[in-house]
Amino acid sequence: MYAALTVVALTVVNAYGNAVLPLYRWELGWLAPNYQIQTLKIEGADAEPVFRIVVRDSDLVSVDGHLQNGPTIGCEALVMYGLQHMVLVLLVPLAWPGLGWKDRVAGLVFSLPVLLFVELADMPVVIVGGLDAAKVDLCISSVSLPVVWMKIMDTGGRLALGLAGGLLACRSAALFYRSSP
């Protein structure tokens, strides 16, 4: 089941990436309003596709007592990071032992809003973390919460978040299915 979902994810990589870009742009504007998005696109469609973002930091920087616009910074995140959520959140309802076919179908239906939530809880925050990490490299500033989130996600947190999302979808479906008359 995991292999089949991975193959499906690899075949829809560009469609998926282009579908979530407007959501990312919206959440990035809300999450980090000091970053003015210059470019947000998918690059490297032949090799390993990445979300590439270039922003201008609108925080005013004082240089010799004069205020000026902040620097242009950029980062990238693998598109497969987001597709990993799709594979894991859908895998749990499909492969969990002991579920009947009605519970599996209900779990798949409930996995779609959970997948959207998991996706928006991870990838835009990771992108902001990459931008903040680049900003830390440019000037002396403290490490932000999105940078910490990015490090957690890169060291196994993405797997845990995807599996937790799948379990949440199964549990929500079970509660809804059993509570209906």
Protein backbone atom coordinates (compact mmCIF):
# COMPACT_ATOMS: atom_id res chain seq x y z
CA MET A 1 0.00 0.00 0.00
CA TYR A 2 2.84 2.38 0.88
CA ALA A 3 4.56 1.72 -2.45
CA ALA A 4 1.35 2.32 -4.39
CA LEU A 5 0.68 5.61 -2.59
CA THR A 6 4.28 6.69 -3.17
CA VAL A 7 3.98 5.97 -6.91
CA VAL A 8 0.77 8.01 -7.03
CA ALA A 9 2.48 10.85 -5.15
CA LEU A 10 5.41 10.84 -7.58
CA THR A 11 3.09 11.01 -10.59
CA VAL A 12 1.10 13.99 -9.26
CA VAL A 13 4.06 16.00 -7.97
CA ASN A 14 3.63 18.99 -10.31
CA ALA A 15 -0.17 19.06 -10.06
CA TYR A 16 0.08 18.89 -6.27
CA GLY A 17 2.73 21.60 -6.11
CA ASN A 18 0.79 24.00 -8.30
CA ALA A 19 -2.41 23.32 -6.35
CA VAL A 20 -0.91 24.23 -2.97
CA LEU A 21 1.08 27.29 -4.06
CA PRO A 22 -1.88 29.71 -3.60
CA LEU A 23 -2.51 28.27 -0.13
CA TYR A 24 1.16 28.69 0.78
CA ARG A 25 1.17 32.27 -0.52
CA TRP A 26 -1.90 33.07 1.60
CA GLU A 27 -0.50 31.47 4.76
CA LEU A 28 2.95 33.00 4.29
CA GLY A 29 1.34 36.44 4.04
CA TRP A 30 -0.46 35.79 7.30
CA LEU A 31 2.37 33.96 9.08
CA ALA A 32 5.25 36.27 8.15
CA PRO A 33 3.90 39.64 6.99
CA ASN A 34 7.37 41.20 7.13
CA TYR A 35 8.43 39.07 4.14
CA GLN A 36 7.26 40.52 0.82
CA ILE A 37 7.10 37.58 -1.58
CA GLN A 38 9.03 38.27 -4.77
CA THR A 39 8.93 34.72 -6.19
CA LEU A 40 7.19 31.52 -5.09
CA LYS A 41 7.32 28.70 -7.61
CA ILE A 42 8.25 25.09 -8.29
CA GLU A 43 11.64 24.48 -9.86
CA GLY A 44 13.50 21.37 -10.94
CA ALA A 45 10.56 19.42 -12.30
CA ASP A 46 12.89 16.92 -14.03
CA ALA A 47 15.10 16.17 -11.05
CA GLU A 48 13.86 16.65 -7.52
CA PRO A 49 11.27 19.45 -7.53
CA VAL A 50 11.51 22.15 -4.88
CA PHE A 51 9.39 25.06 -3.74
CA ARG A 52 11.67 28.06 -4.26
CA ILE A 53 10.83 31.34 -2.58
CA VAL A 54 12.56 34.69 -2.73
CA VAL A 55 11.37 37.48 -0.42
CA ARG A 56 12.35 40.97 0.54
CA ASP A 57 12.50 41.45 4.27
CA SER A 58 10.47 44.59 4.89
CA ASP A 59 11.86 45.05 8.39
CA LEU A 60 13.77 48.26 8.36
CA VAL A 61 17.46 47.85 8.99
CA SER A 62 19.57 50.62 10.48
CA VAL A 63 22.90 51.11 8.70
CA ASP A 64 24.99 53.94 10.09
CA GLY A 65 21.88 55.58 11.49
CA HIS A 66 19.99 55.46 8.16
CA LEU A 67 16.92 53.28 7.73
CA GLN A 68 16.69 51.17 4.59
CA ASN A 69 14.80 48.14 3.31
CA GLY A 70 15.98 44.77 4.44
CA PRO A 71 17.79 42.28 2.24
CA THR A 72 16.42 39.90 -0.36
CA ILE A 73 16.65 36.35 0.93
CA GLY A 74 15.51 33.00 -0.36
CA CYS A 75 15.19 29.34 0.48
CA GLU A 76 13.81 26.13 -0.91
CA ALA A 77 11.91 23.12 0.40
CA LEU A 78 11.41 19.79 -1.31
CA VAL A 79 7.97 19.23 -2.80
CA MET A 80 8.22 15.64 -1.55
CA TYR A 81 8.05 16.91 2.03
CA GLY A 82 4.42 17.85 1.41
CA LEU A 83 3.71 14.72 -0.59
CA GLN A 84 4.99 12.68 2.35
CA HIS A 85 1.98 13.99 4.29
CA MET A 86 -0.35 12.79 1.57
CA VAL A 87 1.17 9.31 1.57
CA LEU A 88 1.16 8.93 5.36
CA VAL A 89 -2.26 10.45 6.09
CA LEU A 90 -3.89 8.27 3.43
CA LEU A 91 -1.85 5.20 4.35
CA VAL A 92 -3.19 4.91 7.88
CA PRO A 93 -6.90 4.53 6.97
CA LEU A 94 -6.01 2.17 4.12
CA ALA A 95 -3.58 -0.07 5.99
CA TRP A 96 -4.69 0.02 9.64
CA PRO A 97 -5.44 -3.53 10.78
CA GLY A 98 -8.91 -4.40 12.00
CA LEU A 99 -10.86 -1.74 10.11
CA GLY A 100 -13.84 -2.77 8.04
CA TRP A 101 -14.40 -1.39 4.58
CA LYS A 102 -16.90 1.21 5.86
CA ASP A 103 -14.38 2.47 8.41
CA ARG A 104 -11.68 2.64 5.72
CA VAL A 105 -13.90 4.65 3.36
CA ALA A 106 -14.96 6.97 6.20
CA GLY A 107 -11.29 7.33 7.22
CA LEU A 108 -10.35 8.31 3.67
CA VAL A 109 -13.14 10.90 3.54
CA PHE A 110 -12.05 12.40 6.87
CA SER A 111 -8.40 12.28 5.84
CA LEU A 112 -8.86 15.05 3.26
CA PRO A 113 -9.51 17.92 5.73
CA VAL A 114 -6.91 16.45 8.09
CA LEU A 115 -4.42 16.34 5.20
CA LEU A 116 -5.06 20.00 4.45
CA PHE A 117 -4.57 20.90 8.10
CA VAL A 118 -1.35 18.86 8.38
CA GLU A 119 -0.03 20.35 5.14
CA LEU A 120 -0.68 23.92 6.23
CA ALA A 121 0.73 23.24 9.70
CA ASP A 122 4.03 22.08 8.27
CA MET A 123 5.19 23.37 4.90
CA PRO A 124 4.58 27.14 5.19
CA VAL A 125 6.15 27.15 8.66
CA VAL A 126 9.14 25.22 7.29
CA ILE A 127 9.47 27.77 4.48
CA VAL A 128 9.42 30.64 6.99
CA GLY A 129 11.97 28.69 9.03
CA GLY A 130 14.24 28.48 5.99
CA LEU A 131 13.88 32.20 5.40
CA ASP A 132 14.57 32.98 9.06
CA ALA A 133 17.63 30.69 8.99
CA ALA A 134 18.93 32.56 5.93
CA LYS A 135 18.28 35.83 7.75
CA VAL A 136 20.24 34.56 10.77
CA ASP A 137 23.14 33.79 8.43
CA LEU A 138 23.04 37.33 7.02
CA CYS A 139 22.90 39.22 10.27
CA ILE A 140 23.01 38.64 13.97
CA SER A 141 19.53 37.71 15.14
CA SER A 142 18.02 35.09 17.35
CA VAL A 143 16.72 31.74 16.15
CA SER A 144 12.96 31.86 15.66
CA LEU A 145 10.26 29.29 16.40
CA PRO A 146 9.83 28.45 12.67
CA VAL A 147 13.54 27.54 12.52
CA VAL A 148 13.07 25.19 15.46
CA TRP A 149 9.95 23.73 13.78
CA MET A 150 11.96 23.20 10.57
CA LYS A 151 14.65 21.31 12.50
CA ILE A 152 12.03 19.14 14.24
CA MET A 153 10.30 18.33 10.95
CA ASP A 154 13.60 17.46 9.28
CA THR A 155 14.54 15.00 12.04
CA GLY A 156 11.47 12.76 12.01
CA GLY A 157 8.73 15.19 12.94
CA ARG A 158 7.20 15.02 9.46
CA LEU A 159 6.75 11.26 9.81
CA ALA A 160 5.17 11.67 13.25
CA LEU A 161 2.89 14.47 12.03
CA GLY A 162 1.72 12.44 9.04
CA LEU A 163 1.00 9.35 11.12
CA ALA A 164 -0.79 11.43 13.76
CA GLY A 165 -2.89 13.00 10.98
CA GLY A 166 -3.83 9.56 9.68
CA LEU A 167 -4.79 8.38 13.16
CA LEU A 168 -6.84 11.54 13.68
CA ALA A 169 -8.68 10.89 10.40
CA CYS A 170 -9.46 7.28 11.44
CA ARG A 171 -10.58 8.30 14.91
CA SER A 172 -12.73 11.18 13.62
CA ALA A 173 -14.36 8.87 11.12
CA ALA A 174 -15.02 6.25 13.79
CA LEU A 175 -16.60 8.82 16.11
CA PHE A 176 -18.76 10.26 13.33
CA TYR A 177 -19.73 6.87 11.92
CA ARG A 178 -20.74 5.46 15.30
CA SER A 179 -22.57 8.60 16.46
CA SER A 180 -24.82 8.84 13.40
CA PRO A 181 -28.27 7.20 13.68
